[in-house]
Amino acid sequence: MPEIDLERARAGIPSHESAPDGEWSVRRITERNAAKDYICPGCHRVIPSGLAHLVVWQEDSLFGAAAGLAGRRHWHVNCWRTRSYKY
């Protein structure tokens, strides 16, 4: 049986958010658990390792839940909260 990553488990269960662009799972990543650099899709700037941020994926993806999870992205907290909905 694989060993449980307690730090990851303590990060919590994703919250659910409804928005004009869909249904989303949003999970907070703590400074301690932010181990890699990512590019934020909101501002296209680096989220450096060690910076708390969000991991977000679409629950109602057109191609199913697994595709939504596979398409998850890392966002700056402020970029996610202030994103615009483009149609």
PDB file of N, CA and C in Angstrom:
ATOM      1  N   MET A   1       0.842  -1.175   0.000  1.00  0.00           N
ATOM      2  CA  MET A   1       0.000   0.000   0.000  1.00  0.00           C
ATOM      3  C   MET A   1       0.896   1.250   0.000  1.00  0.00           C
ATOM      4  N   PRO A   2       0.581   2.258  -0.863  1.00  0.00           N
ATOM      5  CA  PRO A   2       1.403   3.462  -0.896  1.00  0.00           C
ATOM      6  C   PRO A   2       1.260   4.283   0.386  1.00  0.00           C
ATOM      7  N   GLU A   3       2.342   4.963   0.726  1.00  0.00           N
ATOM      8  CA  GLU A   3       2.345   5.801   1.919  1.00  0.00           C
ATOM      9  C   GLU A   3       1.507   7.057   1.698  1.00  0.00           C
ATOM     10  N   ILE A   4       0.752   7.466   2.693  1.00  0.00           N
ATOM     11  CA  ILE A   4      -0.107   8.649   2.597  1.00  0.00           C
ATOM     12  C   ILE A   4       0.720   9.909   2.809  1.00  0.00           C
ATOM     13  N   ASP A   5       0.532  10.888   1.935  1.00  0.00           N
ATOM     14  CA  ASP A   5       1.193  12.184   2.053  1.00  0.00           C
ATOM     15  C   ASP A   5       0.353  13.042   2.991  1.00  0.00           C
ATOM     16  N   LEU A   6       0.736  13.091   4.269  1.00  0.00           N
ATOM     17  CA  LEU A   6      -0.063  13.800   5.270  1.00  0.00           C
ATOM     18  C   LEU A   6      -0.139  15.299   5.015  1.00  0.00           C
ATOM     19  N   GLU A   7       0.933  15.903   4.537  1.00  0.00           N
ATOM     20  CA  GLU A   7       0.896  17.343   4.247  1.00  0.00           C
ATOM     21  C   GLU A   7      -0.130  17.651   3.172  1.00  0.00           C
ATOM     22  N   ARG A   8      -0.171  16.835   2.159  1.00  0.00           N
ATOM     23  CA  ARG A   8      -1.147  17.040   1.083  1.00  0.00           C
ATOM     24  C   ARG A   8      -2.559  16.819   1.602  1.00  0.00           C
ATOM     25  N   ALA A   9      -2.737  15.808   2.429  1.00  0.00           N
ATOM     26  CA  ALA A   9      -4.057  15.533   2.992  1.00  0.00           C
ATOM     27  C   ALA A   9      -4.530  16.676   3.881  1.00  0.00           C
ATOM     28  N   ARG A  10      -3.623  17.298   4.611  1.00  0.00           N
ATOM     29  CA  ARG A  10      -4.000  18.419   5.484  1.00  0.00           C
ATOM     30  C   ARG A  10      -4.386  19.667   4.704  1.00  0.00           C
ATOM     31  N   ALA A  11      -3.997  19.740   3.451  1.00  0.00           N
ATOM     32  CA  ALA A  11      -4.313  20.916   2.629  1.00  0.00           C
ATOM     33  C   ALA A  11      -5.808  21.054   2.416  1.00  0.00           C
ATOM     34  N   GLY A  12      -6.531  19.976   2.601  1.00  0.00           N
ATOM     35  CA  GLY A  12      -7.970  20.065   2.586  1.00  0.00           C
ATOM     36  C   GLY A  12      -8.642  19.627   1.306  1.00  0.00           C
ATOM     37  N   ILE A  13      -9.921  19.514   1.446  1.00  0.00           N
ATOM     38  CA  ILE A  13     -10.786  19.132   0.335  1.00  0.00           C
ATOM     39  C   ILE A  13     -11.080  20.384  -0.473  1.00  0.00           C
ATOM     40  N   PRO A  14     -11.125  20.272  -1.786  1.00  0.00           N
ATOM     41  CA  PRO A  14     -11.417  21.456  -2.595  1.00  0.00           C
ATOM     42  C   PRO A  14     -12.801  22.024  -2.278  1.00  0.00           C
ATOM     43  N   SER A  15     -12.910  23.327  -2.360  1.00  0.00           N
ATOM     44  CA  SER A  15     -14.218  23.961  -2.226  1.00  0.00           C
ATOM     45  C   SER A  15     -14.876  23.986  -3.601  1.00  0.00           C
ATOM     46  N   HIS A  16     -16.166  24.223  -3.613  1.00  0.00           N
ATOM     47  CA  HIS A  16     -16.930  24.278  -4.858  1.00  0.00           C
ATOM     48  C   HIS A  16     -17.337  25.724  -5.113  1.00  0.00           C
ATOM     49  N   GLU A  17     -17.161  26.183  -6.357  1.00  0.00           N
ATOM     50  CA  GLU A  17     -17.578  27.524  -6.739  1.00  0.00           C
ATOM     51  C   GLU A  17     -18.395  27.454  -8.022  1.00  0.00           C
ATOM     52  N   SER A  18     -19.510  28.162  -8.027  1.00  0.00           N
ATOM     53  CA  SER A  18     -20.329  28.312  -9.234  1.00  0.00           C
ATOM     54  C   SER A  18     -20.063  29.695  -9.793  1.00  0.00           C
ATOM     55  N   ALA A  19     -19.867  29.784 -11.095  1.00  0.00           N
ATOM     56  CA  ALA A  19     -19.590  31.056 -11.751  1.00  0.00           C
ATOM     57  C   ALA A  19     -20.231  31.038 -13.138  1.00  0.00           C
ATOM     58  N   PRO A  20     -20.315  32.202 -13.795  1.00  0.00           N
ATOM     59  CA  PRO A  20     -20.896  32.224 -15.140  1.00  0.00           C
ATOM     60  C   PRO A  20     -20.182  31.304 -16.138  1.00  0.00           C
ATOM     61  N   ASP A  21     -18.924  30.982 -15.861  1.00  0.00           N
ATOM     62  CA  ASP A  21     -18.177  30.122 -16.779  1.00  0.00           C
ATOM     63  C   ASP A  21     -18.128  28.665 -16.340  1.00  0.00           C
ATOM     64  N   GLY A  22     -18.934  28.272 -15.375  1.00  0.00           N
ATOM     65  CA  GLY A  22     -19.009  26.867 -15.014  1.00  0.00           C
ATOM     66  C   GLY A  22     -18.967  26.593 -13.525  1.00  0.00           C
ATOM     67  N   GLU A  23     -18.852  25.311 -13.236  1.00  0.00           N
ATOM     68  CA  GLU A  23     -18.745  24.807 -11.868  1.00  0.00           C
ATOM     69  C   GLU A  23     -17.288  24.426 -11.642  1.00  0.00           C
ATOM     70  N   TRP A  24     -16.711  24.896 -10.549  1.00  0.00           N
ATOM     71  CA  TRP A  24     -15.278  24.756 -10.328  1.00  0.00           C
ATOM     72  C   TRP A  24     -14.958  24.135  -8.980  1.00  0.00           C
ATOM     73  N   SER A  25     -13.888  23.357  -8.938  1.00  0.00           N
ATOM     74  CA  SER A  25     -13.267  22.919  -7.693  1.00  0.00           C
ATOM     75  C   SER A  25     -12.050  23.798  -7.491  1.00  0.00           C
ATOM     76  N   VAL A  26     -11.908  24.306  -6.282  1.00  0.00           N
ATOM     77  CA  VAL A  26     -10.811  25.220  -5.964  1.00  0.00           C
ATOM     78  C   VAL A  26     -10.120  24.706  -4.707  1.00  0.00           C
ATOM     79  N   ARG A  27      -8.840  24.456  -4.826  1.00  0.00           N
ATOM     80  CA  ARG A  27      -8.066  23.931  -3.694  1.00  0.00           C
ATOM     81  C   ARG A  27      -6.931  24.889  -3.373  1.00  0.00           C
ATOM     82  N   ARG A  28      -6.816  25.228  -2.118  1.00  0.00           N
ATOM     83  CA  ARG A  28      -5.732  26.105  -1.662  1.00  0.00           C
ATOM     84  C   ARG A  28      -4.440  25.311  -1.518  1.00  0.00           C
ATOM     85  N   ILE A  29      -3.364  25.900  -2.001  1.00  0.00           N
ATOM     86  CA  ILE A  29      -2.027  25.327  -1.835  1.00  0.00           C
ATOM     87  C   ILE A  29      -1.276  26.252  -0.885  1.00  0.00           C
ATOM     88  N   THR A  30      -0.793  25.700   0.218  1.00  0.00           N
ATOM     89  CA  THR A  30      -0.074  26.504   1.207  1.00  0.00           C
ATOM     90  C   THR A  30       1.349  26.789   0.734  1.00  0.00           C
ATOM     91  N   GLU A  31       1.972  27.740   1.383  1.00  0.00           N
ATOM     92  CA  GLU A  31       3.369  28.056   1.068  1.00  0.00           C
ATOM     93  C   GLU A  31       4.230  26.810   1.190  1.00  0.00           C
ATOM     94  N   ARG A  32       3.986  26.046   2.215  1.00  0.00           N
ATOM     95  CA  ARG A  32       4.782  24.849   2.485  1.00  0.00           C
ATOM     96  C   ARG A  32       4.615  23.797   1.385  1.00  0.00           C
ATOM     97  N   ASN A  33       3.421  23.716   0.815  1.00  0.00           N
ATOM     98  CA  ASN A  33       3.157  22.700  -0.212  1.00  0.00           C
ATOM     99  C   ASN A  33       3.407  23.194  -1.633  1.00  0.00           C
ATOM    100  N   ALA A  34       3.737  24.457  -1.787  1.00  0.00           N
ATOM    101  CA  ALA A  34       3.995  25.020  -3.122  1.00  0.00           C
ATOM    102  C   ALA A  34       5.449  24.733  -3.497  1.00  0.00           C
ATOM    103  N   ALA A  35       5.665  23.581  -4.098  1.00  0.00           N
ATOM    104  CA  ALA A  35       7.029  23.104  -4.327  1.00  0.00           C
ATOM    105  C   ALA A  35       7.588  23.411  -5.710  1.00  0.00           C
ATOM    106  N   LYS A  36       6.739  23.835  -6.643  1.00  0.00           N
ATOM    107  CA  LYS A  36       7.193  24.073  -8.012  1.00  0.00           C
ATOM    108  C   LYS A  36       6.720  25.429  -8.505  1.00  0.00           C
ATOM    109  N   ASP A  37       7.356  25.903  -9.563  1.00  0.00           N
ATOM    110  CA  ASP A  37       6.905  27.124 -10.231  1.00  0.00           C
ATOM    111  C   ASP A  37       5.809  26.768 -11.239  1.00  0.00           C
ATOM    112  N   TYR A  38       4.840  27.655 -11.387  1.00  0.00           N
ATOM    113  CA  TYR A  38       3.760  27.496 -12.372  1.00  0.00           C
ATOM    114  C   TYR A  38       3.522  28.829 -13.049  1.00  0.00           C
ATOM    115  N   ILE A  39       2.879  28.808 -14.194  1.00  0.00           N
ATOM    116  CA  ILE A  39       2.466  30.035 -14.875  1.00  0.00           C
ATOM    117  C   ILE A  39       0.975  30.212 -14.631  1.00  0.00           C
ATOM    118  N   CYS A  40       0.595  31.342 -14.095  1.00  0.00           N
ATOM    119  CA  CYS A  40      -0.804  31.660 -13.821  1.00  0.00           C
ATOM    120  C   CYS A  40      -1.516  31.964 -15.139  1.00  0.00           C
ATOM    121  N   PRO A  41      -2.646  31.307 -15.429  1.00  0.00           N
ATOM    122  CA  PRO A  41      -3.367  31.598 -16.669  1.00  0.00           C
ATOM    123  C   PRO A  41      -4.071  32.957 -16.651  1.00  0.00           C
ATOM    124  N   GLY A  42      -4.175  33.562 -15.483  1.00  0.00           N
ATOM    125  CA  GLY A  42      -4.827  34.864 -15.386  1.00  0.00           C
ATOM    126  C   GLY A  42      -3.936  36.018 -15.816  1.00  0.00           C
ATOM    127  N   CYS A  43      -2.678  36.015 -15.354  1.00  0.00           N
ATOM    128  CA  CYS A  43      -1.759  37.121 -15.644  1.00  0.00           C
ATOM    129  C   CYS A  43      -0.551  36.680 -16.470  1.00  0.00           C
ATOM    130  N   HIS A  44      -0.410  35.369 -16.667  1.00  0.00           N
ATOM    131  CA  HIS A  44       0.699  34.785 -17.427  1.00  0.00           C
ATOM    132  C   HIS A  44       2.058  35.059 -16.787  1.00  0.00           C
ATOM    133  N   ARG A  45       2.047  35.244 -15.478  1.00  0.00           N
ATOM    134  CA  ARG A  45       3.296  35.431 -14.730  1.00  0.00           C
ATOM    135  C   ARG A  45       3.564  34.193 -13.880  1.00  0.00           C
ATOM    136  N   VAL A  46       4.782  34.086 -13.430  1.00  0.00           N
ATOM    137  CA  VAL A  46       5.195  32.925 -12.639  1.00  0.00           C
ATOM    138  C   VAL A  46       4.583  32.986 -11.240  1.00  0.00           C
ATOM    139  N   ILE A  47       4.121  31.828 -10.799  1.00  0.00           N
ATOM    140  CA  ILE A  47       3.796  31.609  -9.386  1.00  0.00           C
ATOM    141  C   ILE A  47       5.008  30.856  -8.849  1.00  0.00           C
ATOM    142  N   PRO A  48       5.878  31.513  -8.118  1.00  0.00           N
ATOM    143  CA  PRO A  48       7.111  30.843  -7.680  1.00  0.00           C
ATOM    144  C   PRO A  48       6.849  29.819  -6.582  1.00  0.00           C
ATOM    145  N   SER A  49       7.722  28.854  -6.490  1.00  0.00           N
ATOM    146  CA  SER A  49       7.613  27.887  -5.395  1.00  0.00           C
ATOM    147  C   SER A  49       7.666  28.664  -4.082  1.00  0.00           C
ATOM    148  N   GLY A  50       6.927  28.181  -3.110  1.00  0.00           N
ATOM    149  CA  GLY A  50       6.882  28.836  -1.806  1.00  0.00           C
ATOM    150  C   GLY A  50       5.797  29.891  -1.685  1.00  0.00           C
ATOM    151  N   LEU A  51       5.034  30.142  -2.754  1.00  0.00           N
ATOM    152  CA  LEU A  51       3.954  31.135  -2.710  1.00  0.00           C
ATOM    153  C   LEU A  51       2.608  30.412  -2.661  1.00  0.00           C
ATOM    154  N   ALA A  52       1.799  30.734  -1.663  1.00  0.00           N
ATOM    155  CA  ALA A  52       0.460  30.152  -1.573  1.00  0.00           C
ATOM    156  C   ALA A  52      -0.334  30.554  -2.817  1.00  0.00           C
ATOM    157  N   HIS A  53      -1.146  29.628  -3.330  1.00  0.00           N
ATOM    158  CA  HIS A  53      -1.938  29.895  -4.524  1.00  0.00           C
ATOM    159  C   HIS A  53      -3.108  28.917  -4.588  1.00  0.00           C
ATOM    160  N   LEU A  54      -3.821  28.882  -5.686  1.00  0.00           N
ATOM    161  CA  LEU A  54      -4.968  27.998  -5.861  1.00  0.00           C
ATOM    162  C   LEU A  54      -4.733  27.036  -7.016  1.00  0.00           C
ATOM    163  N   VAL A  55      -5.262  25.832  -6.877  1.00  0.00           N
ATOM    164  CA  VAL A  55      -5.347  24.904  -7.995  1.00  0.00           C
ATOM    165  C   VAL A  55      -6.831  24.802  -8.316  1.00  0.00           C
ATOM    166  N   VAL A  56      -7.165  24.998  -9.592  1.00  0.00           N
ATOM    167  CA  VAL A  56      -8.559  25.097 -10.006  1.00  0.00           C
ATOM    168  C   VAL A  56      -8.820  24.150 -11.174  1.00  0.00           C
ATOM    169  N   TRP A  57      -9.956  23.449 -11.130  1.00  0.00           N
ATOM    170  CA  TRP A  57     -10.355  22.631 -12.272  1.00  0.00           C
ATOM    171  C   TRP A  57     -11.869  22.676 -12.423  1.00  0.00           C
ATOM    172  N   GLN A  58     -12.298  22.495 -13.662  1.00  0.00           N
ATOM    173  CA  GLN A  58     -13.712  22.602 -13.989  1.00  0.00           C
ATOM    174  C   GLN A  58     -14.423  21.282 -13.726  1.00  0.00           C
ATOM    175  N   GLU A  59     -15.457  21.336 -12.915  1.00  0.00           N
ATOM    176  CA  GLU A  59     -16.224  20.137 -12.575  1.00  0.00           C
ATOM    177  C   GLU A  59     -17.153  19.715 -13.706  1.00  0.00           C
ATOM    178  N   ASP A  60     -17.650  20.685 -14.471  1.00  0.00           N
ATOM    179  CA  ASP A  60     -18.619  20.386 -15.526  1.00  0.00           C
ATOM    180  C   ASP A  60     -17.988  20.481 -16.912  1.00  0.00           C
ATOM    181  N   SER A  61     -16.783  19.967 -17.025  1.00  0.00           N
ATOM    182  CA  SER A  61     -16.070  19.979 -18.302  1.00  0.00           C
ATOM    183  C   SER A  61     -16.883  19.246 -19.369  1.00  0.00           C
ATOM    184  N   LEU A  62     -16.876  19.763 -20.563  1.00  0.00           N
ATOM    185  CA  LEU A  62     -17.592  19.168 -21.684  1.00  0.00           C
ATOM    186  C   LEU A  62     -17.165  17.714 -21.911  1.00  0.00           C
ATOM    187  N   PHE A  63     -15.919  17.397 -21.603  1.00  0.00           N
ATOM    188  CA  PHE A  63     -15.384  16.060 -21.842  1.00  0.00           C
ATOM    189  C   PHE A  63     -15.361  15.185 -20.590  1.00  0.00           C
ATOM    190  N   GLY A  64     -16.046  15.607 -19.534  1.00  0.00           N
ATOM    191  CA  GLY A  64     -16.172  14.812 -18.313  1.00  0.00           C
ATOM    192  C   GLY A  64     -15.269  15.266 -17.181  1.00  0.00           C
ATOM    193  N   ALA A  65     -15.544  14.704 -16.026  1.00  0.00           N
ATOM    194  CA  ALA A  65     -14.831  15.093 -14.804  1.00  0.00           C
ATOM    195  C   ALA A  65     -13.336  14.797 -14.875  1.00  0.00           C
ATOM    196  N   ALA A  66     -12.971  13.658 -15.467  1.00  0.00           N
ATOM    197  CA  ALA A  66     -11.545  13.303 -15.558  1.00  0.00           C
ATOM    198  C   ALA A  66     -10.797  14.315 -16.419  1.00  0.00           C
ATOM    199  N   ALA A  67     -11.417  14.778 -17.491  1.00  0.00           N
ATOM    200  CA  ALA A  67     -10.787  15.782 -18.355  1.00  0.00           C
ATOM    201  C   ALA A  67     -10.661  17.115 -17.614  1.00  0.00           C
ATOM    202  N   GLY A  68     -11.670  17.452 -16.840  1.00  0.00           N
ATOM    203  CA  GLY A  68     -11.600  18.681 -16.054  1.00  0.00           C
ATOM    204  C   GLY A  68     -10.449  18.642 -15.072  1.00  0.00           C
ATOM    205  N   LEU A  69     -10.300  17.524 -14.385  1.00  0.00           N
ATOM    206  CA  LEU A  69      -9.205  17.371 -13.422  1.00  0.00           C
ATOM    207  C   LEU A  69      -7.857  17.398 -14.130  1.00  0.00           C
ATOM    208  N   ALA A  70      -7.770  16.748 -15.276  1.00  0.00           N
ATOM    209  CA  ALA A  70      -6.513  16.742 -16.037  1.00  0.00           C
ATOM    210  C   ALA A  70      -6.152  18.146 -16.527  1.00  0.00           C
ATOM    211  N   GLY A  71      -7.148  18.990 -16.702  1.00  0.00           N
ATOM    212  CA  GLY A  71      -6.914  20.353 -17.176  1.00  0.00           C
ATOM    213  C   GLY A  71      -6.764  21.368 -16.058  1.00  0.00           C
ATOM    214  N   ARG A  72      -6.507  20.907 -14.848  1.00  0.00           N
ATOM    215  CA  ARG A  72      -6.390  21.837 -13.716  1.00  0.00           C
ATOM    216  C   ARG A  72      -5.242  22.809 -13.927  1.00  0.00           C
ATOM    217  N   ARG A  73      -5.397  23.990 -13.367  1.00  0.00           N
ATOM    218  CA  ARG A  73      -4.395  25.046 -13.506  1.00  0.00           C
ATOM    219  C   ARG A  73      -4.129  25.692 -12.158  1.00  0.00           C
ATOM    220  N   HIS A  74      -2.938  26.227 -12.009  1.00  0.00           N
ATOM    221  CA  HIS A  74      -2.529  26.926 -10.797  1.00  0.00           C
ATOM    222  C   HIS A  74      -2.697  28.429 -11.020  1.00  0.00           C
ATOM    223  N   TRP A  75      -3.392  29.090 -10.109  1.00  0.00           N
ATOM    224  CA  TRP A  75      -3.715  30.516 -10.219  1.00  0.00           C
ATOM    225  C   TRP A  75      -3.213  31.278  -9.001  1.00  0.00           C
ATOM    226  N   HIS A  76      -2.789  32.530  -9.220  1.00  0.00           N
ATOM    227  CA  HIS A  76      -2.630  33.455  -8.098  1.00  0.00           C
ATOM    228  C   HIS A  76      -4.024  33.646  -7.500  1.00  0.00           C
ATOM    229  N   VAL A  77      -4.116  33.792  -6.212  1.00  0.00           N
ATOM    230  CA  VAL A  77      -5.422  33.967  -5.558  1.00  0.00           C
ATOM    231  C   VAL A  77      -6.150  35.176  -6.133  1.00  0.00           C
ATOM    232  N   ASN A  78      -5.472  36.297  -6.252  1.00  0.00           N
ATOM    233  CA  ASN A  78      -6.120  37.508  -6.753  1.00  0.00           C
ATOM    234  C   ASN A  78      -6.533  37.378  -8.215  1.00  0.00           C
ATOM    235  N   CYS A  79      -5.734  36.722  -9.020  1.00  0.00           N
ATOM    236  CA  CYS A  79      -6.086  36.533 -10.437  1.00  0.00           C
ATOM    237  C   CYS A  79      -7.363  35.706 -10.560  1.00  0.00           C
ATOM    238  N   TRP A  80      -7.493  34.662  -9.739  1.00  0.00           N
ATOM    239  CA  TRP A  80      -8.702  33.837  -9.791  1.00  0.00           C
ATOM    240  C   TRP A  80      -9.920  34.656  -9.350  1.00  0.00           C
ATOM    241  N   ARG A  81      -9.769  35.400  -8.272  1.00  0.00           N
ATOM    242  CA  ARG A  81     -10.901  36.160  -7.722  1.00  0.00           C
ATOM    243  C   ARG A  81     -11.346  37.293  -8.651  1.00  0.00           C
ATOM    244  N   THR A  82     -10.445  37.823  -9.461  1.00  0.00           N
ATOM    245  CA  THR A  82     -10.785  38.971 -10.308  1.00  0.00           C
ATOM    246  C   THR A  82     -10.849  38.619 -11.795  1.00  0.00           C
ATOM    247  N   ARG A  83     -10.877  37.337 -12.124  1.00  0.00           N
ATOM    248  CA  ARG A  83     -10.892  36.946 -13.537  1.00  0.00           C
ATOM    249  C   ARG A  83     -12.161  37.479 -14.211  1.00  0.00           C
ATOM    250  N   SER A  84     -12.064  37.649 -15.510  1.00  0.00           N
ATOM    251  CA  SER A  84     -13.228  38.087 -16.268  1.00  0.00           C
ATOM    252  C   SER A  84     -13.806  36.888 -17.014  1.00  0.00           C
ATOM    253  N   TYR A  85     -15.071  36.958 -17.310  1.00  0.00           N
ATOM    254  CA  TYR A  85     -15.750  35.884 -18.016  1.00  0.00           C
ATOM    255  C   TYR A  85     -15.952  36.332 -19.445  1.00  0.00           C
ATOM    256  N   LYS A  86     -15.251  35.672 -20.382  1.00  0.00           N
ATOM    257  CA  LYS A  86     -15.303  36.084 -21.794  1.00  0.00           C
ATOM    258  C   LYS A  86     -16.183  35.111 -22.570  1.00  0.00           C
ATOM    259  N   TYR A  87     -17.128  35.667 -23.335  1.00  0.00           N
ATOM    260  CA  TYR A  87     -18.009  34.827 -24.146  1.00  0.00           C
ATOM    261  C   TYR A  87     -18.024  35.320 -25.561  1.00  0.00           C
TER     262      TYR A  87
END
